[in-house]
Amino acid sequence: MDTQSLPDLKMPLASTDKIKNFGKGQTETNLNLSLGNYASLLVLGNYVYIPQDKFLMTERIIIEVK
């Protein structure tokens, strides 16, 4: 996600250009990023993509594309 704020974590996280859902058991993905800085994190959700009650997420990582 390349924004500073998180979406509403009480609602399903729909797949968008900024959110990737791994509902089919994927373990990796490819991203086509233009030059710039990006922030990313992983959030564990249930079968309808709603984050767990006690939010389980990684720390935010910064990716710089040169």
Foldseek 3Di string as FASTA:
>chain_A
DADDDDDPLQDADDDDLQDDDPLPVDPDDDDDDDADKGKDKDWDDDNRRRGDPPIDMDDIDMDGDD
